[in-house]
Amino acid sequence: MRGLKKMTGYQAGWFEGEILNYRRDSTPFWNELSIIPNFDKTGQLVQFIGIQRDVTDWRRAEAALAESERRFQNLLRSAPAVAIQWSRSNYPVLK
């Protein structure tokens, strides 16, 4: 399945995961999807219940944070030394 990030519960008959989906205008978006079987009193499968949530903004924020951390780590590795100055509020400030 193209774009699948994670999948759980498949062996138990239900599915939960993130998939890359496409809107009608063909723009991609990340979709958190849960599909759960629904059984009647006799144990017969009646239907599946699907719940989806657009997590595109969350994925973008996650990617931006990872890029920021990568850039910060590169800065620390390339700097000969890092000085820490204490502000008036007693929180360290990197300089």
PDB file of N, CA and C in Angstrom:
ATOM      1  N   MET A   1       0.854  -1.174   0.000  1.00  0.00           N
ATOM      2  CA  MET A   1       0.000   0.000   0.000  1.00  0.00           C
ATOM      3  C   MET A   1       0.896   1.230   0.000  1.00  0.00           C
ATOM      4  N   ARG A   2       0.803   2.049  -1.019  1.00  0.00           N
ATOM      5  CA  ARG A   2       1.655   3.216  -1.170  1.00  0.00           C
ATOM      6  C   ARG A   2       1.343   4.272  -0.120  1.00  0.00           C
ATOM      7  N   GLY A   3       2.384   4.814   0.501  1.00  0.00           N
ATOM      8  CA  GLY A   3       2.215   5.886   1.467  1.00  0.00           C
ATOM      9  C   GLY A   3       1.893   5.414   2.874  1.00  0.00           C
ATOM     10  N   LEU A   4       1.877   4.124   3.113  1.00  0.00           N
ATOM     11  CA  LEU A   4       1.538   3.605   4.428  1.00  0.00           C
ATOM     12  C   LEU A   4       2.665   3.891   5.407  1.00  0.00           C
ATOM     13  N   LYS A   5       2.340   4.537   6.521  1.00  0.00           N
ATOM     14  CA  LYS A   5       3.359   4.862   7.512  1.00  0.00           C
ATOM     15  C   LYS A   5       3.414   3.803   8.610  1.00  0.00           C
ATOM     16  N   LYS A   6       2.269   3.497   9.177  1.00  0.00           N
ATOM     17  CA  LYS A   6       2.244   2.494  10.239  1.00  0.00           C
ATOM     18  C   LYS A   6       0.926   1.736  10.154  1.00  0.00           C
ATOM     19  N   MET A   7       0.933   0.511  10.634  1.00  0.00           N
ATOM     20  CA  MET A   7      -0.276  -0.287  10.598  1.00  0.00           C
ATOM     21  C   MET A   7      -0.301  -1.168  11.834  1.00  0.00           C
ATOM     22  N   THR A   8      -1.435  -1.193  12.532  1.00  0.00           N
ATOM     23  CA  THR A   8      -1.560  -2.036  13.714  1.00  0.00           C
ATOM     24  C   THR A   8      -2.905  -2.737  13.685  1.00  0.00           C
ATOM     25  N   GLY A   9      -3.008  -3.836  14.380  1.00  0.00           N
ATOM     26  CA  GLY A   9      -4.272  -4.512  14.574  1.00  0.00           C
ATOM     27  C   GLY A   9      -4.776  -5.329  13.407  1.00  0.00           C
ATOM     28  N   TYR A  10      -4.036  -5.410  12.342  1.00  0.00           N
ATOM     29  CA  TYR A  10      -4.523  -6.103  11.147  1.00  0.00           C
ATOM     30  C   TYR A  10      -4.853  -7.560  11.435  1.00  0.00           C
ATOM     31  N   GLN A  11      -4.035  -8.211  12.232  1.00  0.00           N
ATOM     32  CA  GLN A  11      -4.259  -9.623  12.527  1.00  0.00           C
ATOM     33  C   GLN A  11      -5.543  -9.820  13.337  1.00  0.00           C
ATOM     34  N   ALA A  12      -5.956  -8.827  14.097  1.00  0.00           N
ATOM     35  CA  ALA A  12      -7.165  -8.930  14.916  1.00  0.00           C
ATOM     36  C   ALA A  12      -8.413  -8.560  14.121  1.00  0.00           C
ATOM     37  N   GLY A  13      -8.273  -8.197  12.853  1.00  0.00           N
ATOM     38  CA  GLY A  13      -9.421  -7.875  12.028  1.00  0.00           C
ATOM     39  C   GLY A  13      -9.725  -6.405  11.916  1.00  0.00           C
ATOM     40  N   TRP A  14      -8.943  -5.574  12.566  1.00  0.00           N
ATOM     41  CA  TRP A  14      -9.137  -4.137  12.433  1.00  0.00           C
ATOM     42  C   TRP A  14      -7.865  -3.503  11.935  1.00  0.00           C
ATOM     43  N   PHE A  15      -7.979  -2.288  11.439  1.00  0.00           N
ATOM     44  CA  PHE A  15      -6.841  -1.590  10.850  1.00  0.00           C
ATOM     45  C   PHE A  15      -6.752  -0.197  11.441  1.00  0.00           C
ATOM     46  N   GLU A  16      -5.548   0.213  11.751  1.00  0.00           N
ATOM     47  CA  GLU A  16      -5.286   1.585  12.182  1.00  0.00           C
ATOM     48  C   GLU A  16      -3.949   1.989  11.609  1.00  0.00           C
ATOM     49  N   GLY A  17      -3.915   3.115  10.905  1.00  0.00           N
ATOM     50  CA  GLY A  17      -2.662   3.546  10.314  1.00  0.00           C
ATOM     51  C   GLY A  17      -2.777   4.899   9.655  1.00  0.00           C
ATOM     52  N   GLU A  18      -1.669   5.349   9.110  1.00  0.00           N
ATOM     53  CA  GLU A  18      -1.622   6.604   8.371  1.00  0.00           C
ATOM     54  C   GLU A  18      -1.330   6.280   6.918  1.00  0.00           C
ATOM     55  N   ILE A  19      -2.139   6.840   6.036  1.00  0.00           N
ATOM     56  CA  ILE A  19      -1.953   6.607   4.612  1.00  0.00           C
ATOM     57  C   ILE A  19      -1.902   7.941   3.881  1.00  0.00           C
ATOM     58  N   LEU A  20      -1.191   7.950   2.776  1.00  0.00           N
ATOM     59  CA  LEU A  20      -1.169   9.115   1.904  1.00  0.00           C
ATOM     60  C   LEU A  20      -2.356   8.977   0.967  1.00  0.00           C
ATOM     61  N   ASN A  21      -3.281   9.923   1.059  1.00  0.00           N
ATOM     62  CA  ASN A  21      -4.498   9.881   0.270  1.00  0.00           C
ATOM     63  C   ASN A  21      -4.517  11.085  -0.661  1.00  0.00           C
ATOM     64  N   TYR A  22      -5.513  11.138  -1.547  1.00  0.00           N
ATOM     65  CA  TYR A  22      -5.611  12.235  -2.512  1.00  0.00           C
ATOM     66  C   TYR A  22      -7.024  12.795  -2.539  1.00  0.00           C
ATOM     67  N   ARG A  23      -7.122  14.126  -2.562  1.00  0.00           N
ATOM     68  CA  ARG A  23      -8.414  14.779  -2.675  1.00  0.00           C
ATOM     69  C   ARG A  23      -8.912  14.680  -4.113  1.00  0.00           C
ATOM     70  N   ARG A  24     -10.146  15.121  -4.339  1.00  0.00           N
ATOM     71  CA  ARG A  24     -10.717  15.078  -5.687  1.00  0.00           C
ATOM     72  C   ARG A  24      -9.907  15.888  -6.687  1.00  0.00           C
ATOM     73  N   ASP A  25      -9.284  16.956  -6.204  1.00  0.00           N
ATOM     74  CA  ASP A  25      -8.467  17.780  -7.109  1.00  0.00           C
ATOM     75  C   ASP A  25      -7.034  17.252  -7.236  1.00  0.00           C
ATOM     76  N   SER A  26      -6.780  16.048  -6.747  1.00  0.00           N
ATOM     77  CA  SER A  26      -5.503  15.329  -6.831  1.00  0.00           C
ATOM     78  C   SER A  26      -4.427  15.846  -5.891  1.00  0.00           C
ATOM     79  N   THR A  27      -4.741  16.732  -4.958  1.00  0.00           N
ATOM     80  CA  THR A  27      -3.736  17.168  -3.987  1.00  0.00           C
ATOM     81  C   THR A  27      -3.605  16.102  -2.899  1.00  0.00           C
ATOM     82  N   PRO A  28      -2.369  15.773  -2.519  1.00  0.00           N
ATOM     83  CA  PRO A  28      -2.166  14.732  -1.507  1.00  0.00           C
ATOM     84  C   PRO A  28      -2.425  15.251  -0.093  1.00  0.00           C
ATOM     85  N   PHE A  29      -2.845  14.360   0.781  1.00  0.00           N
ATOM     86  CA  PHE A  29      -2.964  14.667   2.205  1.00  0.00           C
ATOM     87  C   PHE A  29      -2.767  13.390   2.998  1.00  0.00           C
ATOM     88  N   TRP A  30      -2.244  13.545   4.216  1.00  0.00           N
ATOM     89  CA  TRP A  30      -2.035  12.401   5.106  1.00  0.00           C
ATOM     90  C   TRP A  30      -3.302  12.169   5.907  1.00  0.00           C
ATOM     91  N   ASN A  31      -3.713  10.919   5.957  1.00  0.00           N
ATOM     92  CA  ASN A  31      -4.969  10.537   6.559  1.00  0.00           C
ATOM     93  C   ASN A  31      -4.705   9.483   7.633  1.00  0.00           C
ATOM     94  N   GLU A  32      -5.125   9.767   8.859  1.00  0.00           N
ATOM     95  CA  GLU A  32      -5.090   8.759   9.912  1.00  0.00           C
ATOM     96  C   GLU A  32      -6.399   7.991   9.810  1.00  0.00           C
ATOM     97  N   LEU A  33      -6.311   6.700   9.629  1.00  0.00           N
ATOM     98  CA  LEU A  33      -7.477   5.894   9.297  1.00  0.00           C
ATOM     99  C   LEU A  33      -7.626   4.727  10.264  1.00  0.00           C
ATOM    100  N   SER A  34      -8.855   4.531  10.747  1.00  0.00           N
ATOM    101  CA  SER A  34      -9.186   3.369  11.567  1.00  0.00           C
ATOM    102  C   SER A  34     -10.373   2.671  10.922  1.00  0.00           C
ATOM    103  N   ILE A  35     -10.253   1.370  10.728  1.00  0.00           N
ATOM    104  CA  ILE A  35     -11.350   0.561  10.198  1.00  0.00           C
ATOM    105  C   ILE A  35     -11.586  -0.574  11.180  1.00  0.00           C
ATOM    106  N   ILE A  36     -12.812  -0.630  11.710  1.00  0.00           N
ATOM    107  CA  ILE A  36     -13.138  -1.574  12.767  1.00  0.00           C
ATOM    108  C   ILE A  36     -14.326  -2.425  12.329  1.00  0.00           C
ATOM    109  N   PRO A  37     -14.232  -3.746  12.459  1.00  0.00           N
ATOM    110  CA  PRO A  37     -15.386  -4.582  12.114  1.00  0.00           C
ATOM    111  C   PRO A  37     -16.470  -4.470  13.186  1.00  0.00           C
ATOM    112  N   ASN A  38     -17.726  -4.547  12.761  1.00  0.00           N
ATOM    113  CA  ASN A  38     -18.859  -4.504  13.671  1.00  0.00           C
ATOM    114  C   ASN A  38     -19.649  -5.806  13.502  1.00  0.00           C
ATOM    115  N   PHE A  39     -19.824  -6.548  14.604  1.00  0.00           N
ATOM    116  CA  PHE A  39     -20.479  -7.847  14.573  1.00  0.00           C
ATOM    117  C   PHE A  39     -21.835  -7.765  15.253  1.00  0.00           C
ATOM    118  N   ASP A  40     -22.758  -8.609  14.810  1.00  0.00           N
ATOM    119  CA  ASP A  40     -24.054  -8.667  15.485  1.00  0.00           C
ATOM    120  C   ASP A  40     -23.955  -9.611  16.686  1.00  0.00           C
ATOM    121  N   LYS A  41     -25.109  -9.871  17.337  1.00  0.00           N
ATOM    122  CA  LYS A  41     -25.122 -10.693  18.560  1.00  0.00           C
ATOM    123  C   LYS A  41     -24.684 -12.134  18.316  1.00  0.00           C
ATOM    124  N   THR A  42     -24.834 -12.603  17.079  1.00  0.00           N
ATOM    125  CA  THR A  42     -24.458 -13.989  16.768  1.00  0.00           C
ATOM    126  C   THR A  42     -23.004 -14.119  16.347  1.00  0.00           C
ATOM    127  N   GLY A  43     -22.318 -12.982  16.239  1.00  0.00           N
ATOM    128  CA  GLY A  43     -20.915 -13.015  15.846  1.00  0.00           C
ATOM    129  C   GLY A  43     -20.689 -12.845  14.358  1.00  0.00           C
ATOM    130  N   GLN A  44     -21.748 -12.611  13.619  1.00  0.00           N
ATOM    131  CA  GLN A  44     -21.630 -12.391  12.182  1.00  0.00           C
ATOM    132  C   GLN A  44     -21.183 -10.964  11.904  1.00  0.00           C
ATOM    133  N   LEU A  45     -20.288 -10.840  10.954  1.00  0.00           N
ATOM    134  CA  LEU A  45     -19.834  -9.510  10.545  1.00  0.00           C
ATOM    135  C   LEU A  45     -20.981  -8.784   9.847  1.00  0.00           C
ATOM    136  N   VAL A  46     -21.327  -7.604  10.352  1.00  0.00           N
ATOM    137  CA  VAL A  46     -22.434  -6.825   9.806  1.00  0.00           C
ATOM    138  C   VAL A  46     -21.906  -5.716   8.906  1.00  0.00           C
ATOM    139  N   GLN A  47     -20.868  -5.042   9.356  1.00  0.00           N
ATOM    140  CA  GLN A  47     -20.331  -3.889   8.628  1.00  0.00           C
ATOM    141  C   GLN A  47     -18.959  -3.539   9.166  1.00  0.00           C
ATOM    142  N   PHE A  48     -18.309  -2.637   8.476  1.00  0.00           N
ATOM    143  CA  PHE A  48     -17.068  -2.046   8.962  1.00  0.00           C
ATOM    144  C   PHE A  48     -17.339  -0.581   9.264  1.00  0.00           C
ATOM    145  N   ILE A  49     -16.759  -0.100  10.325  1.00  0.00           N
ATOM    146  CA  ILE A  49     -16.874   1.309  10.685  1.00  0.00           C
ATOM    147  C   ILE A  49     -15.528   1.956  10.394  1.00  0.00           C
ATOM    148  N   GLY A  50     -15.546   3.013   9.593  1.00  0.00           N
ATOM    149  CA  GLY A  50     -14.322   3.720   9.233  1.00  0.00           C
ATOM    150  C   GLY A  50     -14.302   5.121   9.826  1.00  0.00           C
ATOM    151  N   ILE A  51     -13.186   5.466  10.432  1.00  0.00           N
ATOM    152  CA  ILE A  51     -12.990   6.800  11.004  1.00  0.00           C
ATOM    153  C   ILE A  51     -11.708   7.347  10.415  1.00  0.00           C
ATOM    154  N   GLN A  52     -11.777   8.557   9.884  1.00  0.00           N
ATOM    155  CA  GLN A  52     -10.569   9.147   9.315  1.00  0.00           C
ATOM    156  C   GLN A  52     -10.374  10.559   9.840  1.00  0.00           C
ATOM    157  N   ARG A  53      -9.115  10.975   9.859  1.00  0.00           N
ATOM    158  CA  ARG A  53      -8.750  12.312  10.326  1.00  0.00           C
ATOM    159  C   ARG A  53      -7.586  12.803   9.492  1.00  0.00           C
ATOM    160  N   ASP A  54      -7.690  14.024   8.995  1.00  0.00           N
ATOM    161  CA  ASP A  54      -6.618  14.638   8.211  1.00  0.00           C
ATOM    162  C   ASP A  54      -5.513  15.075   9.169  1.00  0.00           C
ATOM    163  N   VAL A  55      -4.317  14.486   9.015  1.00  0.00           N
ATOM    164  CA  VAL A  55      -3.188  14.805   9.893  1.00  0.00           C
ATOM    165  C   VAL A  55      -2.054  15.477   9.114  1.00  0.00           C
ATOM    166  N   THR A  56      -2.390  16.092   7.982  1.00  0.00           N
ATOM    167  CA  THR A  56      -1.385  16.730   7.137  1.00  0.00           C
ATOM    168  C   THR A  56      -0.633  17.827   7.886  1.00  0.00           C
ATOM    169  N   ASP A  57      -1.358  18.695   8.592  1.00  0.00           N
ATOM    170  CA  ASP A  57      -0.697  19.787   9.324  1.00  0.00           C
ATOM    171  C   ASP A  57       0.228  19.241  10.400  1.00  0.00           C
ATOM    172  N   TRP A  58      -0.209  18.192  11.084  1.00  0.00           N
ATOM    173  CA  TRP A  58       0.628  17.584  12.111  1.00  0.00           C
ATOM    174  C   TRP A  58       1.902  17.012  11.491  1.00  0.00           C
ATOM    175  N   ARG A  59       1.771  16.347  10.333  1.00  0.00           N
ATOM    176  CA  ARG A  59       2.934  15.775   9.646  1.00  0.00           C
ATOM    177  C   ARG A  59       3.892  16.874   9.201  1.00  0.00           C
ATOM    178  N   ARG A  60       3.349  17.997   8.712  1.00  0.00           N
ATOM    179  CA  ARG A  60       4.207  19.124   8.312  1.00  0.00           C
ATOM    180  C   ARG A  60       4.955  19.685   9.520  1.00  0.00           C
ATOM    181  N   ALA A  61       4.252  19.823  10.639  1.00  0.00           N
ATOM    182  CA  ALA A  61       4.892  20.328  11.854  1.00  0.00           C
ATOM    183  C   ALA A  61       5.975  19.368  12.330  1.00  0.00           C
ATOM    184  N   GLU A  62       5.717  18.063  12.247  1.00  0.00           N
ATOM    185  CA  GLU A  62       6.697  17.049  12.621  1.00  0.00           C
ATOM    186  C   GLU A  62       7.948  17.146  11.737  1.00  0.00           C
ATOM    187  N   ALA A  63       7.736  17.335  10.437  1.00  0.00           N
ATOM    188  CA  ALA A  63       8.865  17.452   9.502  1.00  0.00           C
ATOM    189  C   ALA A  63       9.647  18.739   9.754  1.00  0.00           C
ATOM    190  N   ALA A  64       8.947  19.832  10.046  1.00  0.00           N
ATOM    191  CA  ALA A  64       9.616  21.112  10.325  1.00  0.00           C
ATOM    192  C   ALA A  64      10.447  21.013  11.604  1.00  0.00           C
ATOM    193  N   LEU A  65       9.916  20.344  12.613  1.00  0.00           N
ATOM    194  CA  LEU A  65      10.668  20.166  13.859  1.00  0.00           C
ATOM    195  C   LEU A  65      11.916  19.319  13.621  1.00  0.00           C
ATOM    196  N   ALA A  66      11.783  18.252  12.847  1.00  0.00           N
ATOM    197  CA  ALA A  66      12.940  17.404  12.550  1.00  0.00           C
ATOM    198  C   ALA A  66      14.005  18.191  11.788  1.00  0.00           C
ATOM    199  N   GLU A  67      13.596  19.013  10.838  1.00  0.00           N
ATOM    200  CA  GLU A  67      14.547  19.839  10.085  1.00  0.00           C
ATOM    201  C   GLU A  67      15.222  20.858  10.998  1.00  0.00           C
ATOM    202  N   SER A  68      14.445  21.475  11.884  1.00  0.00           N
ATOM    203  CA  SER A  68      15.007  22.438  12.831  1.00  0.00           C
ATOM    204  C   SER A  68      16.032  21.772  13.744  1.00  0.00           C
ATOM    205  N   GLU A  69      15.717  20.594  14.239  1.00  0.00           N
ATOM    206  CA  GLU A  69      16.663  19.876  15.098  1.00  0.00           C
ATOM    207  C   GLU A  69      17.925  19.491  14.336  1.00  0.00           C
ATOM    208  N   ARG A  70      17.760  19.070  13.085  1.00  0.00           N
ATOM    209  CA  ARG A  70      18.917  18.713  12.262  1.00  0.00           C
ATOM    210  C   ARG A  70      19.822  19.922  12.074  1.00  0.00           C
ATOM    211  N   ARG A  71      19.227  21.077  11.771  1.00  0.00           N
ATOM    212  CA  ARG A  71      20.018  22.295  11.570  1.00  0.00           C
ATOM    213  C   ARG A  71      20.709  22.729  12.865  1.00  0.00           C
ATOM    214  N   PHE A  72      20.002  22.600  13.991  1.00  0.00           N
ATOM    215  CA  PHE A  72      20.586  22.970  15.280  1.00  0.00           C
ATOM    216  C   PHE A  72      21.761  22.057  15.622  1.00  0.00           C
ATOM    217  N   GLN A  73      21.604  20.748  15.385  1.00  0.00           N
ATOM    218  CA  GLN A  73      22.694  19.810  15.649  1.00  0.00           C
ATOM    219  C   GLN A  73      23.900  20.107  14.756  1.00  0.00           C
ATOM    220  N   ASN A  74      23.656  20.437  13.492  1.00  0.00           N
ATOM    221  CA  ASN A  74      24.758  20.811  12.596  1.00  0.00           C
ATOM    222  C   ASN A  74      25.462  22.061  13.085  1.00  0.00           C
ATOM    223  N   LEU A  75      24.707  23.024  13.581  1.00  0.00           N
ATOM    224  CA  LEU A  75      25.290  24.256  14.120  1.00  0.00           C
ATOM    225  C   LEU A  75      26.164  23.940  15.331  1.00  0.00           C
ATOM    226  N   LEU A  76      25.668  23.109  16.234  1.00  0.00           N
ATOM    227  CA  LEU A  76      26.450  22.763  17.422  1.00  0.00           C
ATOM    228  C   LEU A  76      27.723  22.000  17.066  1.00  0.00           C
ATOM    229  N   ARG A  77      27.625  21.095  16.066  1.00  0.00           N
ATOM    230  CA  ARG A  77      28.803  20.336  15.651  1.00  0.00           C
ATOM    231  C   ARG A  77      29.856  21.220  14.992  1.00  0.00           C
ATOM    232  N   SER A  78      29.416  22.243  14.288  1.00  0.00           N
ATOM    233  CA  SER A  78      30.367  23.080  13.566  1.00  0.00           C
ATOM    234  C   SER A  78      30.913  24.236  14.409  1.00  0.00           C
ATOM    235  N   ALA A  79      30.279  24.550  15.518  1.00  0.00           N
ATOM    236  CA  ALA A  79      30.739  25.650  16.365  1.00  0.00           C
ATOM    237  C   ALA A  79      31.913  25.182  17.227  1.00  0.00           C
ATOM    238  N   PRO A  80      32.960  26.008  17.346  1.00  0.00           N
ATOM    239  CA  PRO A  80      34.087  25.614  18.192  1.00  0.00           C
ATOM    240  C   PRO A  80      33.711  25.558  19.668  1.00  0.00           C
ATOM    241  N   ALA A  81      32.776  26.401  20.086  1.00  0.00           N
ATOM    242  CA  ALA A  81      32.338  26.407  21.481  1.00  0.00           C
ATOM    243  C   ALA A  81      30.970  27.073  21.543  1.00  0.00           C
ATOM    244  N   VAL A  82      30.235  26.750  22.576  1.00  0.00           N
ATOM    245  CA  VAL A  82      28.922  27.356  22.781  1.00  0.00           C
ATOM    246  C   VAL A  82      28.955  28.058  24.127  1.00  0.00           C
ATOM    247  N   ALA A  83      28.558  29.322  24.141  1.00  0.00           N
ATOM    248  CA  ALA A  83      28.506  30.094  25.381  1.00  0.00           C
ATOM    249  C   ALA A  83      27.063  30.179  25.840  1.00  0.00           C
ATOM    250  N   ILE A  84      26.860  30.021  27.133  1.00  0.00           N
ATOM    251  CA  ILE A  84      25.519  30.133  27.698  1.00  0.00           C
ATOM    252  C   ILE A  84      25.505  31.351  28.601  1.00  0.00           C
ATOM    253  N   GLN A  85      24.525  32.199  28.382  1.00  0.00           N
ATOM    254  CA  GLN A  85      24.371  33.409  29.190  1.00  0.00           C
ATOM    255  C   GLN A  85      23.046  33.293  29.925  1.00  0.00           C
ATOM    256  N   TRP A  86      23.059  33.639  31.220  1.00  0.00           N
ATOM    257  CA  TRP A  86      21.828  33.578  31.993  1.00  0.00           C
ATOM    258  C   TRP A  86      21.095  34.892  31.843  1.00  0.00           C
ATOM    259  N   SER A  87      19.802  34.792  31.533  1.00  0.00           N
ATOM    260  CA  SER A  87      18.988  35.996  31.403  1.00  0.00           C
ATOM    261  C   SER A  87      18.498  36.433  32.777  1.00  0.00           C
ATOM    262  N   ARG A  88      17.838  37.554  32.830  1.00  0.00           N
ATOM    263  CA  ARG A  88      17.331  38.059  34.116  1.00  0.00           C
ATOM    264  C   ARG A  88      16.284  37.124  34.722  1.00  0.00           C
ATOM    265  N   SER A  89      15.613  36.392  33.896  1.00  0.00           N
ATOM    266  CA  SER A  89      14.587  35.473  34.396  1.00  0.00           C
ATOM    267  C   SER A  89      15.192  34.114  34.777  1.00  0.00           C
ATOM    268  N   ASN A  90      16.531  34.014  34.784  1.00  0.00           N
ATOM    269  CA  ASN A  90      17.272  32.812  35.157  1.00  0.00           C
ATOM    270  C   ASN A  90      17.090  31.635  34.194  1.00  0.00           C
ATOM    271  N   TYR A  91      16.722  31.919  32.955  1.00  0.00           N
ATOM    272  CA  TYR A  91      16.684  30.890  31.937  1.00  0.00           C
ATOM    273  C   TYR A  91      17.916  31.035  31.070  1.00  0.00           C
ATOM    274  N   PRO A  92      18.597  29.917  30.751  1.00  0.00           N
ATOM    275  CA  PRO A  92      19.791  30.029  29.928  1.00  0.00           C
ATOM    276  C   PRO A  92      19.443  30.463  28.500  1.00  0.00           C
ATOM    277  N   VAL A  93      20.305  31.309  27.958  1.00  0.00           N
ATOM    278  CA  VAL A  93      20.149  31.777  26.584  1.00  0.00           C
ATOM    279  C   VAL A  93      21.409  31.399  25.828  1.00  0.00           C
ATOM    280  N   LEU A  94      21.283  30.636  24.733  1.00  0.00           N
ATOM    281  CA  LEU A  94      22.440  30.276  23.928  1.00  0.00           C
ATOM    282  C   LEU A  94      22.903  31.479  23.128  1.00  0.00           C
ATOM    283  N   LYS A  95      24.193  31.690  23.075  1.00  0.00           N
ATOM    284  CA  LYS A  95      24.744  32.785  22.272  1.00  0.00           C
ATOM    285  C   LYS A  95      25.773  32.240  21.346  1.00  0.00           C
TER     286      LYS A  95
END
